[in-house]
Amino acid sequence: MNIKLNGTDHAVSDDASVSTLVTAITGRALDPRGQAADGGKLGVAVARNSEVVPRSQWAVTALADGDELELVTAVQGG
């Protein structure tokens, strides 16, 4: 199926979830609560179709064809 991620078209598997997408983009495994499995800070937020998806719901939020997602990464600076 096809989704938009940060304004760019992407093909994802039919069983993709927010969690599998974040794992693919960040290259970091996630636990069922959406936390980095290595215990470190992930620094990522996700909105699906203009609604923030709580981290605790990433694993159970299935993606659908045509979804528009924004993945925002926290960056420190001044």
PDB file of N, CA and C in Angstrom:
ATOM      1  N   MET A   1       0.843  -1.178   0.000  1.00  0.00           N
ATOM      2  CA  MET A   1       0.000   0.000   0.000  1.00  0.00           C
ATOM      3  C   MET A   1       0.884   1.235   0.000  1.00  0.00           C
ATOM      4  N   ASN A   2       0.285   2.365  -0.292  1.00  0.00           N
ATOM      5  CA  ASN A   2       1.035   3.617  -0.390  1.00  0.00           C
ATOM      6  C   ASN A   2       0.580   4.613   0.667  1.00  0.00           C
ATOM      7  N   ILE A   3       1.566   5.258   1.278  1.00  0.00           N
ATOM      8  CA  ILE A   3       1.322   6.298   2.271  1.00  0.00           C
ATOM      9  C   ILE A   3       2.167   7.511   1.911  1.00  0.00           C
ATOM     10  N   LYS A   4       1.894   8.617   2.566  1.00  0.00           N
ATOM     11  CA  LYS A   4       2.772   9.791   2.471  1.00  0.00           C
ATOM     12  C   LYS A   4       3.437   9.949   3.823  1.00  0.00           C
ATOM     13  N   LEU A   5       4.745  10.062   3.821  1.00  0.00           N
ATOM     14  CA  LEU A   5       5.515  10.293   5.034  1.00  0.00           C
ATOM     15  C   LEU A   5       6.281  11.589   4.861  1.00  0.00           C
ATOM     16  N   ASN A   6       5.948  12.565   5.701  1.00  0.00           N
ATOM     17  CA  ASN A   6       6.579  13.891   5.610  1.00  0.00           C
ATOM     18  C   ASN A   6       6.502  14.447   4.191  1.00  0.00           C
ATOM     19  N   GLY A   7       5.338  14.217   3.550  1.00  0.00           N
ATOM     20  CA  GLY A   7       5.097  14.775   2.226  1.00  0.00           C
ATOM     21  C   GLY A   7       5.633  13.972   1.067  1.00  0.00           C
ATOM     22  N   THR A   8       6.278  12.836   1.321  1.00  0.00           N
ATOM     23  CA  THR A   8       6.869  12.013   0.271  1.00  0.00           C
ATOM     24  C   THR A   8       6.146  10.676   0.197  1.00  0.00           C
ATOM     25  N   ASP A   9       5.861  10.217  -1.022  1.00  0.00           N
ATOM     26  CA  ASP A   9       5.196   8.922  -1.202  1.00  0.00           C
ATOM     27  C   ASP A   9       6.121   7.780  -0.816  1.00  0.00           C
ATOM     28  N   HIS A  10       5.558   6.787  -0.110  1.00  0.00           N
ATOM     29  CA  HIS A  10       6.289   5.584   0.295  1.00  0.00           C
ATOM     30  C   HIS A  10       5.379   4.381   0.147  1.00  0.00           C
ATOM     31  N   ALA A  11       5.943   3.268  -0.282  1.00  0.00           N
ATOM     32  CA  ALA A  11       5.221   1.998  -0.307  1.00  0.00           C
ATOM     33  C   ALA A  11       5.573   1.249   0.972  1.00  0.00           C
ATOM     34  N   VAL A  12       4.560   0.727   1.654  1.00  0.00           N
ATOM     35  CA  VAL A  12       4.761  -0.054   2.879  1.00  0.00           C
ATOM     36  C   VAL A  12       3.979  -1.348   2.754  1.00  0.00           C
ATOM     37  N   SER A  13       4.312  -2.325   3.587  1.00  0.00           N
ATOM     38  CA  SER A  13       3.611  -3.603   3.556  1.00  0.00           C
ATOM     39  C   SER A  13       2.171  -3.428   4.040  1.00  0.00           C
ATOM     40  N   ASP A  14       1.321  -4.323   3.625  1.00  0.00           N
ATOM     41  CA  ASP A  14      -0.094  -4.242   3.974  1.00  0.00           C
ATOM     42  C   ASP A  14      -0.346  -4.381   5.471  1.00  0.00           C
ATOM     43  N   ASP A  15       0.600  -4.967   6.202  1.00  0.00           N
ATOM     44  CA  ASP A  15       0.419  -5.146   7.652  1.00  0.00           C
ATOM     45  C   ASP A  15       1.217  -4.125   8.468  1.00  0.00           C
ATOM     46  N   ALA A  16       1.634  -3.037   7.830  1.00  0.00           N
ATOM     47  CA  ALA A  16       2.459  -2.033   8.515  1.00  0.00           C
ATOM     48  C   ALA A  16       1.667  -1.308   9.606  1.00  0.00           C
ATOM     49  N   SER A  17       2.386  -0.982  10.664  1.00  0.00           N
ATOM     50  CA  SER A  17       1.829  -0.187  11.761  1.00  0.00           C
ATOM     51  C   SER A  17       2.713   1.043  11.943  1.00  0.00           C
ATOM     52  N   VAL A  18       2.276   1.942  12.789  1.00  0.00           N
ATOM     53  CA  VAL A  18       3.116   3.098  13.106  1.00  0.00           C
ATOM     54  C   VAL A  18       4.442   2.606  13.670  1.00  0.00           C
ATOM     55  N   SER A  19       4.403   1.593  14.521  1.00  0.00           N
ATOM     56  CA  SER A  19       5.617   1.062  15.132  1.00  0.00           C
ATOM     57  C   SER A  19       6.594   0.510  14.099  1.00  0.00           C
ATOM     58  N   THR A  20       6.102  -0.274  13.137  1.00  0.00           N
ATOM     59  CA  THR A  20       7.008  -0.822  12.125  1.00  0.00           C
ATOM     60  C   THR A  20       7.583   0.287  11.254  1.00  0.00           C
ATOM     61  N   LEU A  21       6.796   1.333  11.002  1.00  0.00           N
ATOM     62  CA  LEU A  21       7.298   2.459  10.228  1.00  0.00           C
ATOM     63  C   LEU A  21       8.399   3.197  10.980  1.00  0.00           C
ATOM     64  N   VAL A  22       8.180   3.475  12.263  1.00  0.00           N
ATOM     65  CA  VAL A  22       9.197   4.172  13.065  1.00  0.00           C
ATOM     66  C   VAL A  22      10.469   3.335  13.140  1.00  0.00           C
ATOM     67  N   THR A  23      10.323   2.027  13.312  1.00  0.00           N
ATOM     68  CA  THR A  23      11.494   1.143  13.345  1.00  0.00           C
ATOM     69  C   THR A  23      12.261   1.218  12.029  1.00  0.00           C
ATOM     70  N   ALA A  24      11.537   1.178  10.921  1.00  0.00           N
ATOM     71  CA  ALA A  24      12.192   1.235   9.607  1.00  0.00           C
ATOM     72  C   ALA A  24      12.908   2.560   9.387  1.00  0.00           C
ATOM     73  N   ILE A  25      12.300   3.661   9.815  1.00  0.00           N
ATOM     74  CA  ILE A  25      12.891   4.979   9.584  1.00  0.00           C
ATOM     75  C   ILE A  25      14.073   5.238  10.512  1.00  0.00           C
ATOM     76  N   THR A  26      13.938   4.861  11.785  1.00  0.00           N
ATOM     77  CA  THR A  26      14.994   5.168  12.756  1.00  0.00           C
ATOM     78  C   THR A  26      16.073   4.097  12.818  1.00  0.00           C
ATOM     79  N   GLY A  27      15.748   2.883  12.352  1.00  0.00           N
ATOM     80  CA  GLY A  27      16.700   1.774  12.446  1.00  0.00           C
ATOM     81  C   GLY A  27      16.841   1.234  13.862  1.00  0.00           C
ATOM     82  N   ARG A  28      15.874   1.558  14.727  1.00  0.00           N
ATOM     83  CA  ARG A  28      15.929   1.118  16.132  1.00  0.00           C
ATOM     84  C   ARG A  28      14.713   0.276  16.464  1.00  0.00           C
ATOM     85  N   ALA A  29      14.947  -0.846  17.122  1.00  0.00           N
ATOM     86  CA  ALA A  29      13.853  -1.716  17.554  1.00  0.00           C
ATOM     87  C   ALA A  29      13.069  -1.040  18.664  1.00  0.00           C
ATOM     88  N   LEU A  30      11.750  -1.285  18.673  1.00  0.00           N
ATOM     89  CA  LEU A  30      10.869  -0.706  19.689  1.00  0.00           C
ATOM     90  C   LEU A  30      10.221  -1.812  20.504  1.00  0.00           C
ATOM     91  N   ASP A  31       9.957  -1.516  21.769  1.00  0.00           N
ATOM     92  CA  ASP A  31       9.199  -2.457  22.589  1.00  0.00           C
ATOM     93  C   ASP A  31       7.706  -2.197  22.354  1.00  0.00           C
ATOM     94  N   PRO A  32       6.819  -3.027  22.910  1.00  0.00           N
ATOM     95  CA  PRO A  32       5.383  -2.853  22.655  1.00  0.00           C
ATOM     96  C   PRO A  32       4.806  -1.507  23.116  1.00  0.00           C
ATOM     97  N   ARG A  33       5.510  -0.799  24.001  1.00  0.00           N
ATOM     98  CA  ARG A  33       5.048   0.514  24.464  1.00  0.00           C
ATOM     99  C   ARG A  33       5.539   1.651  23.579  1.00  0.00           C
ATOM    100  N   GLY A  34       6.308   1.328  22.533  1.00  0.00           N
ATOM    101  CA  GLY A  34       6.827   2.350  21.638  1.00  0.00           C
ATOM    102  C   GLY A  34       8.138   2.964  22.106  1.00  0.00           C
ATOM    103  N   GLN A  35       8.718   2.395  23.142  1.00  0.00           N
ATOM    104  CA  GLN A  35      10.011   2.873  23.644  1.00  0.00           C
ATOM    105  C   GLN A  35      11.140   2.150  22.911  1.00  0.00           C
ATOM    106  N   ALA A  36      12.292   2.791  22.804  1.00  0.00           N
ATOM    107  CA  ALA A  36      13.444   2.152  22.179  1.00  0.00           C
ATOM    108  C   ALA A  36      13.838   0.928  23.002  1.00  0.00           C
ATOM    109  N   ALA A  37      13.971  -0.206  22.329  1.00  0.00           N
ATOM    110  CA  ALA A  37      14.290  -1.460  23.014  1.00  0.00           C
ATOM    111  C   ALA A  37      15.655  -1.416  23.690  1.00  0.00           C
ATOM    112  N   ASP A  38      16.547  -0.543  23.215  1.00  0.00           N
ATOM    113  CA  ASP A  38      17.877  -0.438  23.824  1.00  0.00           C
ATOM    114  C   ASP A  38      17.882   0.434  25.075  1.00  0.00           C
ATOM    115  N   GLY A  39      16.712   0.970  25.439  1.00  0.00           N
ATOM    116  CA  GLY A  39      16.592   1.788  26.643  1.00  0.00           C
ATOM    117  C   GLY A  39      16.927   3.257  26.456  1.00  0.00           C
ATOM    118  N   GLY A  40      17.410   3.624  25.286  1.00  0.00           N
ATOM    119  CA  GLY A  40      17.764   5.019  25.022  1.00  0.00           C
ATOM    120  C   GLY A  40      16.546   5.856  24.672  1.00  0.00           C
ATOM    121  N   LYS A  41      16.769   7.138  24.553  1.00  0.00           N
ATOM    122  CA  LYS A  41      15.706   8.072  24.159  1.00  0.00           C
ATOM    123  C   LYS A  41      15.490   7.994  22.652  1.00  0.00           C
ATOM    124  N   LEU A  42      14.244   7.982  22.245  1.00  0.00           N
ATOM    125  CA  LEU A  42      13.933   7.896  20.820  1.00  0.00           C
ATOM    126  C   LEU A  42      13.799   9.288  20.197  1.00  0.00           C
ATOM    127  N   GLY A  43      13.161  10.228  20.893  1.00  0.00           N
ATOM    128  CA  GLY A  43      13.051  11.597  20.402  1.00  0.00           C
ATOM    129  C   GLY A  43      12.232  11.736  19.138  1.00  0.00           C
ATOM    130  N   VAL A  44      11.151  10.950  19.017  1.00  0.00           N
ATOM    131  CA  VAL A  44      10.332  10.953  17.816  1.00  0.00           C
ATOM    132  C   VAL A  44       8.862  11.085  18.201  1.00  0.00           C
ATOM    133  N   ALA A  45       8.107  11.845  17.422  1.00  0.00           N
ATOM    134  CA  ALA A  45       6.652  11.925  17.552  1.00  0.00           C
ATOM    135  C   ALA A  45       6.046  11.656  16.182  1.00  0.00           C
ATOM    136  N   VAL A  46       4.828  11.095  16.184  1.00  0.00           N
ATOM    137  CA  VAL A  46       4.179  10.739  14.926  1.00  0.00           C
ATOM    138  C   VAL A  46       2.745  11.259  14.917  1.00  0.00           C
ATOM    139  N   ALA A  47       2.362  11.861  13.787  1.00  0.00           N
ATOM    140  CA  ALA A  47       0.966  12.234  13.548  1.00  0.00           C
ATOM    141  C   ALA A  47       0.491  11.460  12.328  1.00  0.00           C
ATOM    142  N   ARG A  48      -0.719  10.927  12.429  1.00  0.00           N
ATOM    143  CA  ARG A  48      -1.334  10.189  11.321  1.00  0.00           C
ATOM    144  C   ARG A  48      -2.605  10.929  10.935  1.00  0.00           C
ATOM    145  N   ASN A  49      -2.676  11.363   9.699  1.00  0.00           N
ATOM    146  CA  ASN A  49      -3.842  12.115   9.209  1.00  0.00           C
ATOM    147  C   ASN A  49      -4.170  13.278  10.145  1.00  0.00           C
ATOM    148  N   SER A  50      -3.133  14.021  10.513  1.00  0.00           N
ATOM    149  CA  SER A  50      -3.215  15.247  11.323  1.00  0.00           C
ATOM    150  C   SER A  50      -3.565  15.027  12.789  1.00  0.00           C
ATOM    151  N   GLU A  51      -3.493  13.782  13.265  1.00  0.00           N
ATOM    152  CA  GLU A  51      -3.752  13.499  14.677  1.00  0.00           C
ATOM    153  C   GLU A  51      -2.548  12.806  15.280  1.00  0.00           C
ATOM    154  N   VAL A  52      -2.059  13.326  16.409  1.00  0.00           N
ATOM    155  CA  VAL A  52      -0.912  12.720  17.085  1.00  0.00           C
ATOM    156  C   VAL A  52      -1.290  11.313  17.540  1.00  0.00           C
ATOM    157  N   VAL A  53      -0.401  10.370  17.285  1.00  0.00           N
ATOM    158  CA  VAL A  53      -0.595   8.991  17.736  1.00  0.00           C
ATOM    159  C   VAL A  53       0.219   8.813  19.010  1.00  0.00           C
ATOM    160  N   PRO A  54      -0.430   8.541  20.143  1.00  0.00           N
ATOM    161  CA  PRO A  54       0.325   8.328  21.377  1.00  0.00           C
ATOM    162  C   PRO A  54       1.294   7.151  21.212  1.00  0.00           C
ATOM    163  N   ARG A  55       2.469   7.304  21.763  1.00  0.00           N
ATOM    164  CA  ARG A  55       3.497   6.272  21.654  1.00  0.00           C
ATOM    165  C   ARG A  55       2.965   4.904  22.089  1.00  0.00           C
ATOM    166  N   SER A  56       2.126   4.881  23.118  1.00  0.00           N
ATOM    167  CA  SER A  56       1.581   3.617  23.621  1.00  0.00           C
ATOM    168  C   SER A  56       0.667   2.935  22.606  1.00  0.00           C
ATOM    169  N   GLN A  57       0.259   3.656  21.556  1.00  0.00           N
ATOM    170  CA  GLN A  57      -0.632   3.100  20.536  1.00  0.00           C
ATOM    171  C   GLN A  57       0.073   2.775  19.216  1.00  0.00           C
ATOM    172  N   TRP A  58       1.358   3.032  19.133  1.00  0.00           N
ATOM    173  CA  TRP A  58       2.069   2.804  17.874  1.00  0.00           C
ATOM    174  C   TRP A  58       1.946   1.375  17.368  1.00  0.00           C
ATOM    175  N   ALA A  59       2.108   0.392  18.255  1.00  0.00           N
ATOM    176  CA  ALA A  59       2.103  -1.009  17.830  1.00  0.00           C
ATOM    177  C   ALA A  59       0.731  -1.460  17.344  1.00  0.00           C
ATOM    178  N   VAL A  60      -0.333  -0.843  17.833  1.00  0.00           N
ATOM    179  CA  VAL A  60      -1.686  -1.282  17.474  1.00  0.00           C
ATOM    180  C   VAL A  60      -2.367  -0.359  16.461  1.00  0.00           C
ATOM    181  N   THR A  61      -1.645   0.658  15.990  1.00  0.00           N
ATOM    182  CA  THR A  61      -2.208   1.574  14.995  1.00  0.00           C
ATOM    183  C   THR A  61      -1.754   1.140  13.606  1.00  0.00           C
ATOM    184  N   ALA A  62      -2.659   0.446  12.918  1.00  0.00           N
ATOM    185  CA  ALA A  62      -2.361  -0.043  11.570  1.00  0.00           C
ATOM    186  C   ALA A  62      -2.410   1.112  10.581  1.00  0.00           C
ATOM    187  N   LEU A  63      -1.527   1.047   9.602  1.00  0.00           N
ATOM    188  CA  LEU A  63      -1.543   2.038   8.535  1.00  0.00           C
ATOM    189  C   LEU A  63      -2.528   1.598   7.459  1.00  0.00           C
ATOM    190  N   ALA A  64      -3.109   2.564   6.770  1.00  0.00           N
ATOM    191  CA  ALA A  64      -4.044   2.293   5.689  1.00  0.00           C
ATOM    192  C   ALA A  64      -3.577   3.011   4.432  1.00  0.00           C
ATOM    193  N   ASP A  65      -3.949   2.446   3.308  1.00  0.00           N
ATOM    194  CA  ASP A  65      -3.590   3.045   2.032  1.00  0.00           C
ATOM    195  C   ASP A  65      -4.052   4.503   2.005  1.00  0.00           C
ATOM    196  N   GLY A  66      -3.148   5.400   1.628  1.00  0.00           N
ATOM    197  CA  GLY A  66      -3.466   6.817   1.532  1.00  0.00           C
ATOM    198  C   GLY A  66      -3.228   7.618   2.804  1.00  0.00           C
ATOM    199  N   ASP A  67      -2.832   6.934   3.903  1.00  0.00           N
ATOM    200  CA  ASP A  67      -2.538   7.668   5.139  1.00  0.00           C
ATOM    201  C   ASP A  67      -1.456   8.715   4.891  1.00  0.00           C
ATOM    202  N   GLU A  68      -1.571   9.819   5.615  1.00  0.00           N
ATOM    203  CA  GLU A  68      -0.547  10.864   5.586  1.00  0.00           C
ATOM    204  C   GLU A  68       0.051  10.949   6.974  1.00  0.00           C
ATOM    205  N   LEU A  69       1.354  10.697   7.063  1.00  0.00           N
ATOM    206  CA  LEU A  69       2.044  10.695   8.349  1.00  0.00           C
ATOM    207  C   LEU A  69       3.125  11.759   8.385  1.00  0.00           C
ATOM    208  N   GLU A  70       3.284  12.319   9.559  1.00  0.00           N
ATOM    209  CA  GLU A  70       4.386  13.243   9.825  1.00  0.00           C
ATOM    210  C   GLU A  70       5.194  12.628  10.956  1.00  0.00           C
ATOM    211  N   LEU A  71       6.465  12.434  10.720  1.00  0.00           N
ATOM    212  CA  LEU A  71       7.381  11.933  11.739  1.00  0.00           C
ATOM    213  C   LEU A  71       8.326  13.072  12.077  1.00  0.00           C
ATOM    214  N   VAL A  72       8.293  13.489  13.331  1.00  0.00           N
ATOM    215  CA  VAL A  72       9.081  14.634  13.773  1.00  0.00           C
ATOM    216  C   VAL A  72      10.123  14.147  14.757  1.00  0.00           C
ATOM    217  N   THR A  73      11.355  14.546  14.538  1.00  0.00           N
ATOM    218  CA  THR A  73      12.452  14.176  15.417  1.00  0.00           C
ATOM    219  C   THR A  73      12.897  15.395  16.217  1.00  0.00           C
ATOM    220  N   ALA A  74      13.037  15.206  17.516  1.00  0.00           N
ATOM    221  CA  ALA A  74      13.516  16.282  18.382  1.00  0.00           C
ATOM    222  C   ALA A  74      14.993  16.531  18.105  1.00  0.00           C
ATOM    223  N   VAL A  75      15.354  17.799  17.972  1.00  0.00           N
ATOM    224  CA  VAL A  75      16.735  18.186  17.736  1.00  0.00           C
ATOM    225  C   VAL A  75      17.104  19.271  18.744  1.00  0.00           C
ATOM    226  N   GLN A  76      18.210  19.064  19.410  1.00  0.00           N
ATOM    227  CA  GLN A  76      18.662  20.052  20.391  1.00  0.00           C
ATOM    228  C   GLN A  76      19.475  21.120  19.680  1.00  0.00           C
ATOM    229  N   GLY A  77      19.309  22.333  20.094  1.00  0.00           N
ATOM    230  CA  GLY A  77      20.076  23.405  19.483  1.00  0.00           C
ATOM    231  C   GLY A  77      19.623  24.754  20.007  1.00  0.00           C
ATOM    232  N   GLY A  78      20.189  25.775  19.443  1.00  0.00           N
ATOM    233  CA  GLY A  78      19.827  27.095  19.936  1.00  0.00           C
ATOM    234  C   GLY A  78      19.817  28.143  18.893  1.00  0.00           C
TER     235      GLY A  78
END
